[in-house]
N, C-alpha and C. Protein backbone atom coordinates (compact mmCIF):
# COMPACT_ATOMS: atom_id res chain seq x y z
N MET A 1 119.69 10.37 -107.14
CA MET A 1 118.24 10.32 -107.15
C MET A 1 117.69 10.75 -105.82
N CYS A 2 116.68 11.54 -105.82
CA CYS A 2 115.99 12.00 -104.61
C CYS A 2 116.92 12.78 -103.70
N GLY A 3 118.00 13.25 -104.20
CA GLY A 3 118.95 13.92 -103.34
C GLY A 3 118.52 15.33 -102.98
N VAL A 4 118.70 15.64 -101.73
CA VAL A 4 118.54 16.99 -101.22
C VAL A 4 119.79 17.23 -100.40
N PRO A 5 120.38 18.40 -100.49
CA PRO A 5 121.60 18.62 -99.73
C PRO A 5 121.48 18.16 -98.28
N ALA A 6 122.55 17.61 -97.75
CA ALA A 6 122.54 17.00 -96.43
C ALA A 6 122.15 17.95 -95.32
N MET A 7 122.29 19.25 -95.54
CA MET A 7 121.99 20.17 -94.47
C MET A 7 120.51 20.46 -94.32
N VAL A 8 119.66 19.78 -95.06
CA VAL A 8 118.22 20.00 -94.91
C VAL A 8 117.83 19.69 -93.48
N THR A 9 117.11 20.62 -92.90
CA THR A 9 116.61 20.43 -91.55
C THR A 9 115.10 20.35 -91.61
N ASN A 10 114.49 20.32 -90.49
CA ASN A 10 113.04 20.32 -90.45
C ASN A 10 112.50 21.75 -90.50
N SER A 11 113.29 22.68 -90.95
CA SER A 11 112.93 24.08 -90.99
C SER A 11 112.17 24.41 -92.28
N ASP A 12 111.00 25.05 -92.10
CA ASP A 12 110.22 25.47 -93.26
C ASP A 12 111.01 26.44 -94.13
N SER A 13 111.71 27.39 -93.51
CA SER A 13 112.42 28.39 -94.31
C SER A 13 113.54 27.76 -95.13
N HIS A 14 114.20 26.75 -94.60
CA HIS A 14 115.26 26.10 -95.37
C HIS A 14 114.67 25.32 -96.55
N LEU A 15 113.56 24.62 -96.33
CA LEU A 15 112.90 23.91 -97.44
C LEU A 15 112.47 24.90 -98.51
N GLU A 16 111.95 26.03 -98.10
CA GLU A 16 111.48 27.03 -99.06
C GLU A 16 112.64 27.66 -99.84
N SER A 17 113.83 27.69 -99.25
CA SER A 17 114.97 28.21 -100.01
C SER A 17 115.41 27.21 -101.07
N LEU A 18 115.29 25.91 -100.78
CA LEU A 18 115.63 24.88 -101.77
C LEU A 18 114.54 24.74 -102.84
N PHE A 19 113.30 24.85 -102.41
CA PHE A 19 112.14 24.67 -103.29
C PHE A 19 111.26 25.92 -103.16
N PRO A 20 111.57 26.99 -103.89
CA PRO A 20 110.84 28.25 -103.75
C PRO A 20 109.33 28.14 -103.94
N GLY A 21 108.88 27.16 -104.72
CA GLY A 21 107.45 26.98 -104.93
C GLY A 21 106.69 26.62 -103.67
N LEU A 22 107.38 26.10 -102.67
CA LEU A 22 106.71 25.76 -101.41
C LEU A 22 106.22 27.00 -100.67
N ALA A 23 106.94 28.11 -100.81
CA ALA A 23 106.62 29.33 -100.06
C ALA A 23 105.21 29.84 -100.36
N SER A 24 104.75 29.64 -101.57
CA SER A 24 103.43 30.15 -101.95
C SER A 24 102.41 29.03 -102.12
N SER A 25 102.67 27.89 -101.47
CA SER A 25 101.75 26.76 -101.63
C SER A 25 101.38 26.18 -100.27
N ASP A 26 100.48 25.25 -100.32
CA ASP A 26 100.00 24.57 -99.13
C ASP A 26 100.86 23.32 -98.92
N TYR A 27 101.76 23.34 -97.93
CA TYR A 27 102.57 22.17 -97.65
C TYR A 27 102.74 22.01 -96.15
N GLU A 28 103.14 20.79 -95.75
CA GLU A 28 103.33 20.51 -94.33
C GLU A 28 104.38 19.41 -94.18
N ILE A 29 105.27 19.58 -93.23
CA ILE A 29 106.22 18.52 -92.89
C ILE A 29 105.45 17.47 -92.11
N THR A 30 105.51 16.22 -92.56
CA THR A 30 104.70 15.16 -91.93
C THR A 30 105.52 14.11 -91.20
N SER A 31 106.84 14.11 -91.36
CA SER A 31 107.68 13.20 -90.58
C SER A 31 109.09 13.77 -90.51
N LEU A 32 109.85 13.27 -89.58
CA LEU A 32 111.22 13.72 -89.40
C LEU A 32 112.20 12.90 -90.23
N PHE A 33 113.46 13.27 -90.17
CA PHE A 33 114.56 12.60 -90.85
C PHE A 33 114.47 11.09 -90.64
N ASP A 34 114.62 10.32 -91.72
CA ASP A 34 114.65 8.86 -91.63
C ASP A 34 115.44 8.34 -92.83
N PRO A 35 116.65 7.83 -92.61
CA PRO A 35 117.50 7.40 -93.72
C PRO A 35 117.19 6.01 -94.27
N LYS A 36 116.18 5.32 -93.76
CA LYS A 36 115.90 3.96 -94.23
C LYS A 36 115.33 3.92 -95.64
N TYR A 37 114.59 4.93 -96.04
CA TYR A 37 113.91 4.91 -97.33
C TYR A 37 114.06 6.26 -98.02
N ASN A 38 113.85 6.26 -99.33
CA ASN A 38 113.97 7.48 -100.13
C ASN A 38 112.65 7.80 -100.82
N CYS A 39 112.69 8.76 -101.72
CA CYS A 39 111.47 9.21 -102.38
C CYS A 39 110.82 8.13 -103.24
N VAL A 40 111.62 7.33 -103.92
CA VAL A 40 111.06 6.28 -104.77
C VAL A 40 110.35 5.25 -103.91
N ALA A 41 111.00 4.85 -102.82
CA ALA A 41 110.37 3.91 -101.89
C ALA A 41 109.08 4.50 -101.32
N TRP A 42 109.14 5.77 -100.92
CA TRP A 42 107.96 6.44 -100.35
C TRP A 42 106.82 6.49 -101.37
N ALA A 43 107.14 6.82 -102.61
CA ALA A 43 106.10 6.85 -103.66
C ALA A 43 105.52 5.46 -103.89
N ALA A 44 106.34 4.43 -103.68
CA ALA A 44 105.90 3.04 -103.83
C ALA A 44 105.26 2.49 -102.55
N SER A 45 105.11 3.35 -101.55
CA SER A 45 104.52 2.98 -100.24
C SER A 45 105.37 1.95 -99.48
N ASP A 46 106.68 2.09 -99.59
CA ASP A 46 107.61 1.19 -98.91
C ASP A 46 108.51 2.01 -98.00
N GLN A 47 108.32 1.89 -96.69
CA GLN A 47 109.13 2.64 -95.73
C GLN A 47 110.21 1.78 -95.09
N LYS A 48 110.45 0.61 -95.64
CA LYS A 48 111.41 -0.31 -95.03
C LYS A 48 112.76 -0.37 -95.75
N ARG A 49 112.83 0.12 -97.00
CA ARG A 49 114.09 -0.01 -97.73
C ARG A 49 114.27 1.12 -98.74
N TRP A 50 115.51 1.33 -99.10
CA TRP A 50 115.92 2.36 -100.06
C TRP A 50 115.81 1.77 -101.46
N TRP A 51 115.11 2.45 -102.37
CA TRP A 51 114.97 2.00 -103.76
C TRP A 51 115.93 2.81 -104.62
N GLU A 52 116.80 2.11 -105.33
CA GLU A 52 117.71 2.78 -106.24
C GLU A 52 118.29 1.74 -107.20
N PRO A 53 118.44 2.11 -108.48
CA PRO A 53 118.94 1.14 -109.46
C PRO A 53 120.47 1.08 -109.51
N ASP A 54 121.12 1.18 -108.37
CA ASP A 54 122.57 1.17 -108.37
C ASP A 54 123.09 -0.10 -109.05
N PRO A 55 124.09 0.03 -109.88
CA PRO A 55 124.58 -1.12 -110.66
C PRO A 55 125.11 -2.27 -109.82
N MET A 56 125.56 -2.02 -108.61
CA MET A 56 126.12 -3.07 -107.76
C MET A 56 125.04 -3.84 -107.01
N GLY A 57 123.80 -3.40 -107.10
CA GLY A 57 122.72 -4.11 -106.45
C GLY A 57 122.68 -3.97 -104.94
N VAL A 58 123.23 -2.89 -104.42
CA VAL A 58 123.24 -2.66 -102.97
C VAL A 58 121.84 -2.32 -102.48
N SER A 59 121.12 -1.49 -103.21
CA SER A 59 119.78 -1.07 -102.83
C SER A 59 118.73 -1.95 -103.49
N TYR A 60 117.52 -1.90 -102.96
CA TYR A 60 116.42 -2.64 -103.58
C TYR A 60 116.05 -2.00 -104.91
N TRP A 61 115.74 -2.83 -105.88
CA TRP A 61 115.20 -2.37 -107.17
C TRP A 61 114.41 -3.54 -107.74
N PRO A 62 113.21 -3.32 -108.27
CA PRO A 62 112.43 -4.43 -108.83
C PRO A 62 113.21 -5.18 -109.91
N ALA A 63 113.16 -6.49 -109.86
CA ALA A 63 113.93 -7.34 -110.79
C ALA A 63 113.54 -7.10 -112.24
N SER A 64 112.29 -6.69 -112.49
CA SER A 64 111.83 -6.50 -113.87
C SER A 64 112.26 -5.17 -114.48
N ALA A 65 112.87 -4.29 -113.68
CA ALA A 65 113.30 -2.99 -114.18
C ALA A 65 114.82 -2.96 -114.31
N PRO A 66 115.33 -2.36 -115.39
CA PRO A 66 116.78 -2.29 -115.53
C PRO A 66 117.40 -1.41 -114.45
N ARG A 67 118.60 -1.74 -114.04
CA ARG A 67 119.33 -0.95 -113.05
C ARG A 67 120.04 0.20 -113.76
N ASP A 68 119.23 1.13 -114.25
CA ASP A 68 119.72 2.30 -114.97
C ASP A 68 119.09 3.55 -114.37
N TYR A 69 119.84 4.64 -114.39
CA TYR A 69 119.31 5.92 -113.95
C TYR A 69 118.66 6.62 -115.14
N THR A 70 117.56 6.02 -115.63
CA THR A 70 116.81 6.59 -116.75
C THR A 70 115.34 6.67 -116.37
N LEU A 71 114.64 7.56 -117.02
CA LEU A 71 113.19 7.64 -116.78
C LEU A 71 112.51 6.33 -117.14
N ALA A 72 112.96 5.69 -118.20
CA ALA A 72 112.36 4.41 -118.61
C ALA A 72 112.51 3.37 -117.51
N ALA A 73 113.68 3.31 -116.86
CA ALA A 73 113.90 2.34 -115.78
C ALA A 73 113.01 2.64 -114.58
N TYR A 74 112.87 3.91 -114.25
CA TYR A 74 112.01 4.29 -113.12
C TYR A 74 110.55 4.00 -113.44
N GLN A 75 110.15 4.26 -114.67
CA GLN A 75 108.78 3.92 -115.07
C GLN A 75 108.57 2.41 -114.95
N GLN A 76 109.52 1.62 -115.41
CA GLN A 76 109.39 0.16 -115.33
C GLN A 76 109.35 -0.32 -113.88
N ALA A 77 110.06 0.35 -113.00
CA ALA A 77 110.00 -0.02 -111.58
C ALA A 77 108.57 0.14 -111.07
N PHE A 78 107.90 1.24 -111.44
CA PHE A 78 106.52 1.44 -111.00
C PHE A 78 105.55 0.56 -111.77
N GLU A 79 105.87 0.25 -113.02
CA GLU A 79 105.03 -0.69 -113.77
C GLU A 79 105.03 -2.06 -113.09
N SER A 80 106.12 -2.42 -112.43
CA SER A 80 106.17 -3.70 -111.71
C SER A 80 105.17 -3.73 -110.55
N LEU A 81 104.70 -2.55 -110.14
CA LEU A 81 103.70 -2.43 -109.08
C LEU A 81 102.29 -2.23 -109.64
N GLY A 82 102.16 -2.31 -110.96
CA GLY A 82 100.85 -2.18 -111.59
C GLY A 82 100.53 -0.80 -112.13
N TYR A 83 101.48 0.11 -112.11
CA TYR A 83 101.25 1.46 -112.64
C TYR A 83 101.45 1.47 -114.15
N ALA A 84 100.77 2.40 -114.80
CA ALA A 84 100.94 2.64 -116.24
C ALA A 84 100.89 4.14 -116.46
N GLN A 85 101.57 4.60 -117.50
CA GLN A 85 101.60 6.03 -117.79
C GLN A 85 100.20 6.52 -118.11
N CYS A 86 99.91 7.74 -117.65
CA CYS A 86 98.61 8.37 -117.95
C CYS A 86 98.87 9.83 -118.30
N ASP A 87 97.82 10.50 -118.72
CA ASP A 87 97.98 11.87 -119.19
C ASP A 87 97.85 12.93 -118.11
N GLY A 88 96.97 12.71 -117.13
CA GLY A 88 96.66 13.80 -116.22
C GLY A 88 97.11 13.58 -114.80
N GLU A 89 97.41 14.69 -114.14
CA GLU A 89 97.81 14.63 -112.74
C GLU A 89 96.63 14.84 -111.79
N SER A 90 95.47 15.17 -112.32
CA SER A 90 94.30 15.39 -111.48
C SER A 90 93.89 14.08 -110.81
N ARG A 91 93.33 14.22 -109.64
CA ARG A 91 92.87 13.06 -108.89
C ARG A 91 91.76 12.36 -109.67
N GLU A 92 91.83 11.05 -109.73
CA GLU A 92 90.81 10.24 -110.39
C GLU A 92 90.29 9.22 -109.38
N HIS A 93 89.00 9.19 -109.20
CA HIS A 93 88.40 8.24 -108.26
C HIS A 93 88.78 6.82 -108.67
N GLY A 94 89.24 6.05 -107.69
CA GLY A 94 89.59 4.65 -107.95
C GLY A 94 91.01 4.42 -108.42
N PHE A 95 91.83 5.49 -108.52
CA PHE A 95 93.20 5.34 -109.01
C PHE A 95 94.20 5.97 -108.03
N ALA A 96 95.35 5.34 -107.90
CA ALA A 96 96.50 5.90 -107.19
C ALA A 96 97.46 6.42 -108.26
N LYS A 97 98.13 7.54 -107.98
CA LYS A 97 99.05 8.12 -108.96
C LYS A 97 100.40 8.42 -108.33
N VAL A 98 101.42 8.32 -109.16
CA VAL A 98 102.76 8.76 -108.81
C VAL A 98 103.26 9.69 -109.92
N ALA A 99 104.12 10.61 -109.52
CA ALA A 99 104.74 11.53 -110.47
C ALA A 99 106.24 11.32 -110.43
N LEU A 100 106.86 11.31 -111.60
CA LEU A 100 108.31 11.23 -111.71
C LEU A 100 108.84 12.58 -112.15
N PHE A 101 109.84 13.07 -111.44
CA PHE A 101 110.49 14.34 -111.77
C PHE A 101 111.82 14.03 -112.46
N ALA A 102 112.27 14.97 -113.29
CA ALA A 102 113.56 14.80 -113.95
C ALA A 102 114.19 16.17 -114.18
N LYS A 103 115.49 16.14 -114.26
CA LYS A 103 116.26 17.34 -114.61
C LYS A 103 117.27 16.89 -115.66
N ALA A 104 117.31 17.59 -116.78
CA ALA A 104 118.18 17.22 -117.91
C ALA A 104 117.95 15.76 -118.30
N ASN A 105 116.69 15.37 -118.29
CA ASN A 105 116.25 14.03 -118.71
C ASN A 105 116.73 12.91 -117.80
N LYS A 106 117.20 13.23 -116.61
CA LYS A 106 117.62 12.23 -115.62
C LYS A 106 116.62 12.23 -114.46
N PRO A 107 116.17 11.07 -114.01
CA PRO A 107 115.20 11.03 -112.91
C PRO A 107 115.82 11.59 -111.63
N THR A 108 115.03 12.38 -110.92
CA THR A 108 115.52 13.03 -109.70
C THR A 108 114.62 12.81 -108.50
N HIS A 109 113.34 12.51 -108.72
CA HIS A 109 112.40 12.46 -107.60
C HIS A 109 111.13 11.73 -108.01
N ALA A 110 110.46 11.16 -107.01
CA ALA A 110 109.15 10.55 -107.22
C ALA A 110 108.24 11.01 -106.09
N SER A 111 106.97 11.21 -106.41
CA SER A 111 105.99 11.69 -105.46
C SER A 111 104.70 10.88 -105.62
N ARG A 112 103.96 10.73 -104.53
CA ARG A 112 102.71 9.95 -104.55
C ARG A 112 101.53 10.86 -104.24
N GLN A 113 100.46 10.69 -104.99
CA GLN A 113 99.25 11.49 -104.78
C GLN A 113 98.50 10.98 -103.56
N LEU A 114 98.02 11.91 -102.77
CA LEU A 114 97.19 11.56 -101.62
C LEU A 114 95.73 11.53 -102.06
N GLY A 115 94.82 11.28 -101.15
CA GLY A 115 93.40 11.21 -101.48
C GLY A 115 92.76 12.56 -101.66
N SER A 116 93.57 13.58 -101.86
CA SER A 116 93.08 14.95 -102.06
C SER A 116 93.82 15.51 -103.26
N SER A 117 93.89 16.82 -103.33
CA SER A 117 94.66 17.42 -104.43
C SER A 117 96.14 17.51 -104.07
N LEU A 118 96.52 17.07 -102.88
CA LEU A 118 97.91 17.14 -102.45
C LEU A 118 98.67 15.86 -102.76
N TRP A 119 99.99 15.99 -102.74
CA TRP A 119 100.92 14.90 -102.99
C TRP A 119 101.81 14.76 -101.78
N THR A 120 102.51 13.65 -101.67
CA THR A 120 103.44 13.44 -100.57
C THR A 120 104.79 13.03 -101.14
N SER A 121 105.85 13.56 -100.53
CA SER A 121 107.21 13.30 -100.99
C SER A 121 108.13 13.09 -99.81
N LYS A 122 109.14 12.27 -100.04
CA LYS A 122 110.26 12.09 -99.13
C LYS A 122 111.40 12.89 -99.74
N LEU A 123 112.01 13.78 -99.00
CA LEU A 123 113.07 14.62 -99.52
C LEU A 123 114.43 14.02 -99.15
N GLY A 124 114.92 13.15 -100.01
CA GLY A 124 116.18 12.47 -99.76
C GLY A 124 116.07 11.58 -98.53
N LYS A 125 117.03 11.70 -97.62
CA LYS A 125 116.99 10.96 -96.36
C LYS A 125 116.23 11.75 -95.30
N ASN A 126 115.76 12.90 -95.68
CA ASN A 126 115.23 13.84 -94.71
C ASN A 126 113.73 13.69 -94.49
N VAL A 127 113.04 14.79 -94.43
CA VAL A 127 111.63 14.81 -94.04
C VAL A 127 110.70 14.35 -95.16
N ASP A 128 109.51 13.95 -94.75
CA ASP A 128 108.40 13.72 -95.67
C ASP A 128 107.53 14.97 -95.60
N ILE A 129 106.95 15.34 -96.73
CA ILE A 129 106.06 16.49 -96.73
C ILE A 129 104.82 16.18 -97.56
N THR A 130 103.73 16.89 -97.27
CA THR A 130 102.59 16.94 -98.19
C THR A 130 102.72 18.28 -98.91
N HIS A 131 102.36 18.30 -100.19
CA HIS A 131 102.60 19.50 -100.99
C HIS A 131 101.73 19.49 -102.24
N GLU A 132 101.63 20.65 -102.87
CA GLU A 132 101.05 20.73 -104.19
C GLU A 132 102.10 20.18 -105.16
N LEU A 133 101.69 19.45 -106.15
CA LEU A 133 102.64 18.72 -107.00
C LEU A 133 103.75 19.61 -107.54
N HIS A 134 103.42 20.72 -108.14
CA HIS A 134 104.43 21.54 -108.82
C HIS A 134 105.21 22.46 -107.88
N ALA A 135 104.91 22.41 -106.59
CA ALA A 135 105.65 23.23 -105.63
C ALA A 135 107.11 22.80 -105.52
N LEU A 136 107.43 21.58 -105.94
CA LEU A 136 108.82 21.11 -105.93
C LEU A 136 109.52 21.32 -107.27
N SER A 137 108.79 21.79 -108.27
CA SER A 137 109.36 21.97 -109.61
C SER A 137 110.34 23.14 -109.65
N GLY A 138 111.28 23.02 -110.56
CA GLY A 138 112.20 24.12 -110.83
C GLY A 138 113.43 24.16 -109.96
N GLY A 139 113.45 23.46 -108.86
CA GLY A 139 114.62 23.44 -107.98
C GLY A 139 115.51 22.26 -108.31
N PRO A 140 116.07 21.62 -107.28
CA PRO A 140 116.99 20.51 -107.52
C PRO A 140 116.34 19.31 -108.21
N TYR A 141 115.01 19.21 -108.16
CA TYR A 141 114.33 18.07 -108.76
C TYR A 141 113.92 18.30 -110.21
N GLY A 142 114.07 19.50 -110.73
CA GLY A 142 113.64 19.75 -112.10
C GLY A 142 112.13 19.84 -112.18
N ASP A 143 111.55 19.11 -113.12
CA ASP A 143 110.11 19.21 -113.35
C ASP A 143 109.44 17.85 -113.43
N VAL A 144 108.13 17.85 -113.25
CA VAL A 144 107.34 16.63 -113.41
C VAL A 144 107.42 16.23 -114.88
N THR A 145 107.81 14.98 -115.14
CA THR A 145 107.94 14.53 -116.52
C THR A 145 107.02 13.37 -116.86
N LYS A 146 106.60 12.61 -115.86
CA LYS A 146 105.69 11.48 -116.10
C LYS A 146 104.72 11.34 -114.94
N ILE A 147 103.49 11.01 -115.29
CA ILE A 147 102.47 10.66 -114.31
C ILE A 147 102.05 9.23 -114.61
N LEU A 148 102.01 8.42 -113.58
CA LEU A 148 101.61 7.02 -113.71
C LEU A 148 100.45 6.76 -112.77
N ARG A 149 99.60 5.81 -113.14
CA ARG A 149 98.47 5.49 -112.27
C ARG A 149 98.22 3.98 -112.27
N ARG A 150 97.54 3.54 -111.22
CA ARG A 150 97.06 2.16 -111.14
C ARG A 150 95.75 2.18 -110.40
N ALA A 151 94.95 1.16 -110.65
CA ALA A 151 93.69 1.04 -109.93
C ALA A 151 94.02 0.81 -108.45
N LYS A 152 93.27 1.49 -107.59
CA LYS A 152 93.48 1.29 -106.15
C LYS A 152 93.08 -0.13 -105.78
N ARG A 153 93.83 -0.68 -104.89
CA ARG A 153 93.54 -2.03 -104.43
C ARG A 153 92.41 -2.00 -103.42
N ALA A 154 91.53 -2.98 -103.53
CA ALA A 154 90.41 -3.09 -102.60
C ALA A 154 90.95 -3.47 -101.23
N THR A 155 90.38 -2.90 -100.19
CA THR A 155 90.76 -3.26 -98.84
C THR A 155 89.70 -4.15 -98.25
N PRO A 156 90.12 -5.21 -97.55
CA PRO A 156 89.14 -6.16 -96.99
C PRO A 156 88.33 -5.55 -95.87
């Protein structure tokens, strides 16, 4: 899950070779390599731990979601945070959205929508980027298969 070959550097050209859609889109590297968290954690706004449904329970995974590498399990992990499946990827006032990617029906990546038309992703243990949602499609992550949303939490 969320894997990107280990040789990923902070190089734009290398990212574009892995994800050709980035070359013709608006994207930016926003942080350097950090192995503490992965794409699922980043989409869940958690930079302190790695989220993965590994059967041995080594990584964090919400107790209410099965420890399976299935889209249903990943959806349930986000449902534990108040997300529910929705139809559109367009920005909706008052809602936060995440996108789940899959390849051959297996979850591969999660991305979080920013307050604009851009999304943010953690590429494995490597960099975080802002990007257009489908700029990561077609490469190692496959395609966007589910969009989930929740009402934004009020800030005091």
